[in-house]
Structure formats: structure tokens, C-alpha cells
C-alpha atoms as a PDB file:
ATOM      1  CA  MET A   1       2.711  -1.424  73.662  1.00  0.00           C
ATOM      2  CA  THR A   2       5.225   1.341  73.053  1.00  0.00           C
ATOM      3  CA  ASP A   3       8.787   0.544  74.067  1.00  0.00           C
ATOM      4  CA  ASP A   4       9.631   3.762  75.886  1.00  0.00           C
ATOM      5  CA  GLY A   5      13.020   2.643  77.207  1.00  0.00           C
ATOM      6  CA  LEU A   6      14.878   5.149  75.062  1.00  0.00           C
ATOM      7  CA  GLN A   7      12.331   7.813  75.885  1.00  0.00           C
ATOM      8  CA  ALA A   8      13.090   7.240  79.554  1.00  0.00           C
ATOM      9  CA  LEU A   9      16.712   8.005  78.689  1.00  0.00           C
ATOM     10  CA  VAL A  10      15.611  11.235  76.993  1.00  0.00           C
ATOM     11  CA  ALA A  11      13.501  12.162  80.014  1.00  0.00           C
ATOM     12  CA  ALA A  12      16.477  11.584  82.303  1.00  0.00           C
ATOM     13  CA  ARG A  13      18.469  14.095  80.253  1.00  0.00           C
ATOM     14  CA  VAL A  14      15.770  16.800  80.275  1.00  0.00           C
ATOM     15  CA  PRO A  15      15.046  18.546  83.591  1.00  0.00           C
ATOM     16  CA  GLY A  16      11.316  18.954  84.112  1.00  0.00           C
ATOM     17  CA  ALA A  17      10.556  16.117  81.700  1.00  0.00           C
ATOM     18  CA  ALA A  18       7.144  15.406  83.209  1.00  0.00           C
ATOM     19  CA  ALA A  19       5.968  18.991  82.760  1.00  0.00           C
ATOM     20  CA  LEU A  20       7.115  18.864  79.138  1.00  0.00           C
ATOM     21  CA  GLY A  21       5.040  15.752  78.427  1.00  0.00           C
ATOM     22  CA  LEU A  22       7.870  13.238  78.236  1.00  0.00           C
ATOM     23  CA  LEU A  23       6.560  11.232  81.198  1.00  0.00           C
ATOM     24  CA  ALA A  24       2.933  10.168  81.280  1.00  0.00           C
ATOM     25  CA  PRO A  25       1.087  10.573  84.602  1.00  0.00           C
ATOM     26  CA  PRO A  26      -0.432   7.345  85.970  1.00  0.00           C
ATOM     27  CA  SER A  27      -3.920   8.811  85.703  1.00  0.00           C
ATOM     28  CA  ALA A  28      -3.664   9.348  81.946  1.00  0.00           C
ATOM     29  CA  ALA A  29      -5.285   6.966  79.465  1.00  0.00           C
ATOM     30  CA  ALA A  30      -2.948   5.747  76.711  1.00  0.00           C
ATOM     31  CA  VAL A  31      -4.340   5.508  73.179  1.00  0.00           C
ATOM     32  CA  PRO A  32      -2.649   4.732  69.838  1.00  0.00           C
ATOM     33  CA  ALA A  33      -1.551   7.978  68.216  1.00  0.00           C
ATOM     34  CA  GLU A  34      -2.967   6.628  64.946  1.00  0.00           C
ATOM     35  CA  LEU A  35      -6.380   7.705  66.272  1.00  0.00           C
ATOM     36  CA  LEU A  36      -5.298  11.286  65.619  1.00  0.00           C
ATOM     37  CA  ALA A  37      -5.457  10.506  61.895  1.00  0.00           C
ATOM     38  CA  ASP A  38      -9.038   9.177  62.153  1.00  0.00           C
ATOM     39  CA  PRO A  39     -11.556  11.909  61.188  1.00  0.00           C
ATOM     40  CA  GLY A  40     -14.409  10.051  62.901  1.00  0.00           C
ATOM     41  CA  TRP A  41     -12.569   9.728  66.201  1.00  0.00           C
ATOM     42  CA  THR A  42     -11.466  13.356  65.967  1.00  0.00           C
ATOM     43  CA  ALA A  43     -15.026  14.502  65.282  1.00  0.00           C
ATOM     44  CA  ARG A  44     -16.220  12.685  68.401  1.00  0.00           C
ATOM     45  CA  VAL A  45     -13.469  14.315  70.464  1.00  0.00           C
ATOM     46  CA  LEU A  46     -14.433  17.749  69.148  1.00  0.00           C
ATOM     47  CA  ALA A  47     -18.104  17.135  69.904  1.00  0.00           C
ATOM     48  CA  ALA A  48     -17.282  16.191  73.496  1.00  0.00           C
ATOM     49  CA  ARG A  49     -14.983  19.171  73.936  1.00  0.00           C
ATOM     50  CA  ALA A  50     -17.668  21.510  72.545  1.00  0.00           C
ATOM     51  CA  VAL A  51     -19.724  21.082  75.697  1.00  0.00           C
ATOM     52  CA  ARG A  52     -16.818  21.808  78.029  1.00  0.00           C
ATOM     53  CA  GLN A  53     -15.448  24.677  75.955  1.00  0.00           C
ATOM     54  CA  ARG A  54     -18.899  26.180  75.437  1.00  0.00           C
ATOM     55  CA  THR A  55     -18.779  26.682  71.702  1.00  0.00           C
ATOM     56  CA  ASP A  56     -20.215  24.908  68.697  1.00  0.00           C
ATOM     57  CA  ASP A  57     -17.782  26.551  66.278  1.00  0.00           C
ATOM     58  CA  ARG A  58     -16.130  23.499  64.703  1.00  0.00           C
ATOM     59  CA  ARG A  59     -13.298  25.578  63.247  1.00  0.00           C
ATOM     60  CA  VAL A  60     -12.370  26.920  66.681  1.00  0.00           C
ATOM     61  CA  LEU A  61     -12.694  23.519  68.335  1.00  0.00           C
ATOM     62  CA  ALA A  62     -10.528  21.836  65.703  1.00  0.00           C
ATOM     63  CA  THR A  63      -7.849  24.510  65.754  1.00  0.00           C
ATOM     64  CA  VAL A  64      -7.566  24.605  69.552  1.00  0.00           C
ATOM     65  CA  TRP A  65      -7.478  20.798  69.644  1.00  0.00           C
ATOM     66  CA  TRP A  66      -4.666  20.589  67.079  1.00  0.00           C
ATOM     67  CA  TYR A  67      -2.702  23.314  68.845  1.00  0.00           C
ATOM     68  CA  SER A  68      -2.746  21.217  72.002  1.00  0.00           C
ATOM     69  CA  ALA A  69      -2.334  17.808  70.390  1.00  0.00           C
ATOM     70  CA  SER A  70       0.480  18.806  68.026  1.00  0.00           C
ATOM     71  CA  SER A  71       2.571  20.202  70.857  1.00  0.00           C
ATOM     72  CA  VAL A  72       2.275  16.959  72.821  1.00  0.00           C
ATOM     73  CA  LEU A  73       2.690  14.698  69.793  1.00  0.00           C
ATOM     74  CA  LEU A  74       5.929  16.340  68.625  1.00  0.00           C
ATOM     75  CA  THR A  75       7.624  16.490  72.016  1.00  0.00           C
ATOM     76  CA  PRO A  76       9.273  13.038  72.184  1.00  0.00           C
ATOM     77  CA  VAL A  77      10.912  13.168  68.763  1.00  0.00           C
ATOM     78  CA  LEU A  78      12.091  16.766  69.231  1.00  0.00           C
ATOM     79  CA  ALA A  79      13.414  16.148  72.734  1.00  0.00           C
ATOM     80  CA  GLY A  80      15.203  13.116  71.332  1.00  0.00           C
ATOM     81  CA  LEU A  81      16.701  15.251  68.595  1.00  0.00           C
ATOM     82  CA  VAL A  82      18.040  17.753  71.137  1.00  0.00           C
ATOM     83  CA  THR A  83      19.456  15.062  73.433  1.00  0.00           C
ATOM     84  CA  GLY A  84      20.895  12.868  70.687  1.00  0.00           C
ATOM     85  CA  VAL A  85      18.463   9.974  71.103  1.00  0.00           C
ATOM     86  CA  ALA A  86      16.547   8.913  67.983  1.00  0.00           C
ATOM     87  CA  LEU A  87      12.846   8.468  68.735  1.00  0.00           C
ATOM     88  CA  SER A  88      10.296   7.652  66.072  1.00  0.00           C
ATOM     89  CA  ALA A  89       8.027  10.304  64.570  1.00  0.00           C
ATOM     90  CA  ARG A  90       5.619   7.705  63.133  1.00  0.00           C
ATOM     91  CA  LEU A  91       2.062   7.590  64.468  1.00  0.00           C
ATOM     92  CA  GLU A  92       2.153   3.797  64.629  1.00  0.00           C
ATOM     93  CA  ASP A  93       5.190   3.994  66.920  1.00  0.00           C
ATOM     94  CA  THR A  94       3.608   6.513  69.293  1.00  0.00           C
ATOM     95  CA  ARG A  95       1.038   6.492  72.066  1.00  0.00           C
ATOM     96  CA  LEU A  96      -0.849   9.583  73.176  1.00  0.00           C
ATOM     97  CA  HIS A  97      -1.736   9.950  76.845  1.00  0.00           C
ATOM     98  CA  LEU A  98      -4.987  11.742  77.636  1.00  0.00           C
ATOM     99  CA  LEU A  99      -6.376  13.157  80.851  1.00  0.00           C
ATOM    100  CA  ALA A 100     -10.115  13.461  81.482  1.00  0.00           C
ATOM    101  CA  GLY A 101     -11.820  15.532  78.814  1.00  0.00           C
ATOM    102  CA  ASP A 102      -9.556  14.224  76.046  1.00  0.00           C
ATOM    103  CA  THR A 103      -6.758  16.536  77.144  1.00  0.00           C
ATOM    104  CA  PRO A 104      -3.390  15.495  75.643  1.00  0.00           C
ATOM    105  CA  VAL A 105      -0.767  15.519  78.377  1.00  0.00           C
ATOM    106  CA  ALA A 106       2.081  13.310  77.140  1.00  0.00           C
ATOM    107  CA  ALA A 107       3.286  11.122  74.290  1.00  0.00           C
ATOM    108  CA  THR A 108       5.636   8.143  74.258  1.00  0.00           C
ATOM    109  CA  ALA A 109       7.483   6.871  71.217  1.00  0.00           C
ATOM    110  CA  ARG A 110       9.482   3.831  70.153  1.00  0.00           C
ATOM    111  CA  PRO A 111      13.114   4.055  68.980  1.00  0.00           C
ATOM    112  CA  ALA A 112      13.448   5.346  65.433  1.00  0.00           C
ATOM    113  CA  ALA A 113      15.431   2.314  64.211  1.00  0.00           C
ATOM    114  CA  GLY A 114      17.369   4.208  61.568  1.00  0.00           C
ATOM    115  CA  ARG A 115      14.355   5.782  59.845  1.00  0.00           C
ATOM    116  CA  ASP A 116      14.454   9.226  58.233  1.00  0.00           C
ATOM    117  CA  LEU A 117      13.053  11.717  60.737  1.00  0.00           C
ATOM    118  CA  ALA A 118      11.873  14.363  58.268  1.00  0.00           C
ATOM    119  CA  THR A 119      10.069  11.848  56.053  1.00  0.00           C
ATOM    120  CA  ASP A 120       8.242  10.301  58.996  1.00  0.00           C
ATOM    121  CA  LEU A 121       7.457  13.679  60.536  1.00  0.00           C
ATOM    122  CA  ARG A 122       5.955  14.907  57.279  1.00  0.00           C
ATOM    123  CA  ALA A 123       3.770  11.813  56.982  1.00  0.00           C
ATOM    124  CA  THR A 124       2.591  12.161  60.580  1.00  0.00           C
ATOM    125  CA  ILE A 125       1.716  15.850  60.340  1.00  0.00           C
ATOM    126  CA  ALA A 126       0.013  15.382  56.970  1.00  0.00           C
ATOM    127  CA  ALA A 127      -2.138  12.512  58.234  1.00  0.00           C
ATOM    128  CA  VAL A 128      -3.311  14.307  61.369  1.00  0.00           C
ATOM    129  CA  VAL A 129      -3.822  17.649  59.637  1.00  0.00           C
ATOM    130  CA  ALA A 130      -6.052  15.946  57.054  1.00  0.00           C
ATOM    131  CA  ALA A 131      -8.160  14.356  59.797  1.00  0.00           C
ATOM    132  CA  VAL A 132      -8.482  17.557  61.821  1.00  0.00           C
ATOM    133  CA  ALA A 133      -9.351  19.554  58.700  1.00  0.00           C
ATOM    134  CA  GLU A 134     -12.093  17.089  57.770  1.00  0.00           C
ATOM    135  CA  ALA A 135     -13.513  16.825  61.287  1.00  0.00           C
ATOM    136  CA  GLY A 136     -13.413  20.566  61.888  1.00  0.00           C
ATOM    137  CA  GLY A 137     -14.277  21.892  58.458  1.00  0.00           C
ATOM    138  CA  VAL A 138     -11.075  23.943  58.383  1.00  0.00           C
ATOM    139  CA  ARG A 139      -8.453  24.472  55.681  1.00  0.00           C
ATOM    140  CA  GLU A 140      -5.262  22.445  56.026  1.00  0.00           C
ATOM    141  CA  ARG A 141      -2.731  25.257  55.534  1.00  0.00           C
ATOM    142  CA  PRO A 142      -3.477  27.050  58.848  1.00  0.00           C
ATOM    143  CA  LEU A 143      -3.055  23.701  60.607  1.00  0.00           C
ATOM    144  CA  TRP A 144       0.390  23.295  59.065  1.00  0.00           C
ATOM    145  CA  ALA A 145       1.249  26.744  60.450  1.00  0.00           C
ATOM    146  CA  ILE A 146       0.197  25.555  63.906  1.00  0.00           C
ATOM    147  CA  ALA A 147       2.460  22.540  63.456  1.00  0.00           C
ATOM    148  CA  THR A 148       5.469  24.735  62.755  1.00  0.00           C
ATOM    149  CA  ASP A 149       4.746  26.830  65.850  1.00  0.00           C
ATOM    150  CA  SER A 150       4.477  23.658  67.933  1.00  0.00           C
ATOM    151  CA  LEU A 151       7.791  22.486  66.504  1.00  0.00           C
ATOM    152  CA  ALA A 152       9.410  25.822  67.322  1.00  0.00           C
ATOM    153  CA  ASN A 153       7.852  26.003  70.799  1.00  0.00           C
ATOM    154  CA  ARG A 154       8.842  22.469  71.763  1.00  0.00           C
ATOM    155  CA  LEU A 155      12.456  22.912  70.672  1.00  0.00           C
ATOM    156  CA  LEU A 156      12.559  26.183  72.591  1.00  0.00           C
ATOM    157  CA  ALA A 157      11.097  24.565  75.721  1.00  0.00           C
ATOM    158  CA  VAL A 158      13.524  21.654  75.606  1.00  0.00           C
ATOM    159  CA  GLY A 159      16.391  24.048  74.956  1.00  0.00           C
ATOM    160  CA  ARG A 160      15.466  26.066  78.023  1.00  0.00           C
ATOM    161  CA  ALA A 161      15.220  22.873  80.074  1.00  0.00           C
ATOM    162  CA  VAL A 162      18.674  21.613  79.096  1.00  0.00           C
ATOM    163  CA  GLY A 163      20.248  25.060  79.265  1.00  0.00           C
ATOM    164  CA  ASP A 164      21.109  25.504  75.589  1.00  0.00           C
ATOM    165  CA  VAL A 165      18.401  27.467  73.824  1.00  0.00           C
ATOM    166  CA  ALA A 166      20.625  28.461  70.906  1.00  0.00           C
ATOM    167  CA  ALA A 167      21.566  24.898  69.992  1.00  0.00           C
ATOM    168  CA  ALA A 168      18.039  23.542  70.346  1.00  0.00           C
ATOM    169  CA  THR A 169      16.335  26.269  68.341  1.00  0.00           C
ATOM    170  CA  ALA A 170      19.015  26.061  65.638  1.00  0.00           C
ATOM    171  CA  LEU A 171      17.621  22.625  64.813  1.00  0.00           C
ATOM    172  CA  SER A 172      14.230  24.023  63.813  1.00  0.00           C
ATOM    173  CA  GLY A 173      15.070  25.555  60.440  1.00  0.00           C
ATOM    174  CA  PRO A 174      16.898  22.586  58.893  1.00  0.00           C
ATOM    175  CA  LEU A 175      14.262  20.165  60.190  1.00  0.00           C
ATOM    176  CA  ALA A 176      11.349  22.188  58.813  1.00  0.00           C
ATOM    177  CA  ALA A 177      13.139  22.602  55.492  1.00  0.00           C
ATOM    178  CA  ALA A 178      13.644  18.841  55.302  1.00  0.00           C
ATOM    179  CA  VAL A 179       9.960  18.251  56.044  1.00  0.00           C
ATOM    180  CA  GLY A 180       9.135  20.711  53.267  1.00  0.00           C
ATOM    181  CA  SER A 181       6.148  22.758  52.140  1.00  0.00           C
ATOM    182  CA  PRO A 182       3.498  23.493  53.286  1.00  0.00           C
ATOM    183  CA  LEU A 183       5.252  23.541  56.684  1.00  0.00           C
ATOM    184  CA  PRO A 184       6.345  27.183  57.168  1.00  0.00           C
ATOM    185  CA  ALA A 185       9.825  28.017  58.402  1.00  0.00           C
ATOM    186  CA  PRO A 186       9.939  28.325  62.204  1.00  0.00           C
ATOM    187  CA  ARG A 187      10.891  31.781  63.470  1.00  0.00           C
ATOM    188  CA  TYR A 188      12.162  33.198  66.746  1.00  0.00           C
ATOM    189  CA  VAL A 189      12.615  36.648  68.198  1.00  0.00           C
ATOM    190  CA  ASP A 190      14.953  37.675  71.009  1.00  0.00           C
ATOM    191  CA  VAL A 191      13.539  40.197  73.481  1.00  0.00           C
ATOM    192  CA  GLU A 192      15.618  41.489  76.389  1.00  0.00           C
ATOM    193  CA  GLY A 193      17.960  38.518  75.962  1.00  0.00           C
ATOM    194  CA  VAL A 194      15.115  35.962  76.043  1.00  0.00           C
ATOM    195  CA  ARG A 195      14.099  33.943  72.996  1.00  0.00           C
ATOM    196  CA  PHE A 196      10.443  33.524  72.022  1.00  0.00           C
ATOM    197  CA  THR A 197       8.706  31.843  69.122  1.00  0.00           C
ATOM    198  CA  ARG A 198       7.574  34.312  66.505  1.00  0.00           C
ATOM    199  CA  ARG A 199       4.242  32.747  65.775  1.00  0.00           C
ATOM    200  CA  ALA A 200       3.074  31.886  62.268  1.00  0.00           C
ATOM    201  CA  SER A 201      -0.385  30.867  63.443  1.00  0.00           C
ATOM    202  CA  CYS A 202      -3.300  31.818  65.664  1.00  0.00           C
ATOM    203  CA  CYS A 203      -4.604  29.001  67.859  1.00  0.00           C
ATOM    204  CA  LEU A 204      -8.062  30.692  68.073  1.00  0.00           C
ATOM    205  CA  LEU A 205      -8.107  30.164  71.838  1.00  0.00           C
ATOM    206  CA  TYR A 206      -9.363  33.736  72.219  1.00  0.00           C
ATOM    207  CA  ARG A 207     -12.586  32.663  70.480  1.00  0.00           C
ATOM    208  CA  LEU A 208     -13.524  30.534  73.500  1.00  0.00           C
ATOM    209  CA  PRO A 209     -15.514  32.104  76.357  1.00  0.00           C
ATOM    210  CA  HIS A 210     -13.392  34.016  78.892  1.00  0.00           C
ATOM    211  CA  GLU A 211     -10.141  33.526  76.912  1.00  0.00           C
ATOM    212  CA  VAL A 212      -7.907  36.280  75.532  1.00  0.00           C
ATOM    213  CA  LEU A 213      -5.290  36.655  72.812  1.00  0.00           C
ATOM    214  CA  CYS A 214      -2.029  34.889  73.598  1.00  0.00           C
ATOM    215  CA  THR A 215       0.910  37.159  74.407  1.00  0.00           C
ATOM    216  CA  SER A 216       2.727  36.233  71.196  1.00  0.00           C
ATOM    217  CA  CYS A 217      -0.375  36.015  68.989  1.00  0.00           C
ATOM    218  CA  PRO A 218       0.245  37.329  65.452  1.00  0.00           C
ATOM    219  CA  ARG A 219      -3.150  39.041  65.634  1.00  0.00           C
ATOM    220  CA  ARG A 220      -1.797  41.493  68.204  1.00  0.00           C
ATOM    221  CA  ASP A 221      -0.522  44.909  67.215  1.00  0.00           C
ATOM    222  CA  PRO A 222       3.268  44.456  66.815  1.00  0.00           C
ATOM    223  CA  LEU A 223       4.099  47.220  69.297  1.00  0.00           C
ATOM    224  CA  GLN A 224       1.704  45.807  71.873  1.00  0.00           C
ATOM    225  CA  ARG A 225       3.159  42.335  71.378  1.00  0.00           C
ATOM    226  CA  GLN A 226       6.681  43.706  71.834  1.00  0.00           C
ATOM    227  CA  VAL A 227       5.735  45.374  75.132  1.00  0.00           C
ATOM    228  CA  LEU A 228       4.081  42.202  76.409  1.00  0.00           C
ATOM    229  CA  LEU A 229       7.106  40.092  75.462  1.00  0.00           C
ATOM    230  CA  GLU A 230       9.434  42.570  77.177  1.00  0.00           C
ATOM    231  CA  ASP A 231       7.345  42.268  80.323  1.00  0.00           C
ATOM    232  CA  THR A 232       7.429  38.488  80.111  1.00  0.00           C
ATOM    233  CA  ALA A 233      11.170  38.499  79.565  1.00  0.00           C
ATOM    234  CA  THR A 234      11.818  40.590  82.670  1.00  0.00           C
ATOM    235  CA  ARG A 235       9.883  38.057  84.749  1.00  0.00           C
ATOM    236  CA  MET A 236      11.751  35.003  83.474  1.00  0.00           C
END
């Protein structure tokens, strides 16, 4: 059982903690995060999601799954980093909370107990990326790019929640550098005074039926992306 006492402290310091995935809803099923590093378990998850997402493209299924799972998985440790509370980045210290349909909605982590964050984060990302790549028949490098976008997005979201975007996003570069290659450097862009993640990856969500390119997708024409971000900024 994960000791989430310190995570509760983090959640208390972050407005909207539940929406960010720092508090697990009662309806969610808790599973050991180590399952994320199991190619067999991941393959079964992808097979089940294939029916609901109406595609048999394993590359798309794996990429969309990792985009979702990585964002949830990284939230506790990154929110802890922003709020000054050391939570563990190790899979064995983390539980993933899933809604129906194997939808990751939250993660809870034990205290870090003096461990090196970057070392543990690298080991965690590497283990899950290897499993997702094997289960989905996809190269590992694009999955590392998704990880860096999840890192950037989560720090940005927590920064917005606590009211200090600049301080939170400033943590991304040094952390990614400490994790090391092949994790790309996180990037941001400021549009109309609002900060957004400058994506290094495509989540392939647009390859699912009735889905479209994300606003910040790197596949978009740069001018079109700029206009869409300006419109988003004016509505925030």
C-alpha cells in the first residue's frame, strides 16, 4: 500500500489537485505502477482499448496510451518538486489509479526518502518506454519525446494552479538535463502573455476516429498553430 501522507500535503498546496490527478477518485481501481513496465500487461491493455478506440493500429494505440499514462504517472513527483515535498519517482513506490476502460486518472507515490530524483525518473521512464515500445511495435525515441512533453505540461499545469508559472516551468530544463539523453529538452512558448508547451512529440490522437490535431501539435503549420494558440490565450 502506498503511503500517500506526503502526497496529501502536496495536494493541499495545489488548488484543483483532484483535476490534476493528485487525488484518486473512490471509483478508480489502484494497481501497482510496476505493471506499466510489463509488456504483456501493456499489450492486454492496448488490445482492450483497441475496441473502444476503434483502431487496430498498435502504434497509434501505444502512443496514445503512453501520452495519457505518462502525464498521470509524472504528476505526483513533479507537483512535489514544485511544492517542495519530495515524492518518489520509482515505479515500485507508486500506484496508478484507473477508471473503467483502463483510463489513467491519478497516481499516488511514497516519500522519496532521500533518493536522487533524476536517477529514479530516468529508470522509470526507460522501463515503461521499453514496455510500451515492445507492446506497440513502436520505436522508443518518440516515446521519450512524449515523456518530455508530459514533464513540461505537468509542470506548467501545476505552476498555473499555484500561481507561479515561471518558477514551475523553470524546473523543467535542469530536471530533463539531469535525466539525460534520450529525453529531449522541454520547451515553452509565450503567446499573448500565456505560456504553452512547445511540443516535441505528436500523440497520434488525430489518427483515432473523429479526433483532430491538437492545438499545439508539431504537425500543424507554424502560422496556424500560432493563431490557434493566440485564440486559446485570449480565452484563458
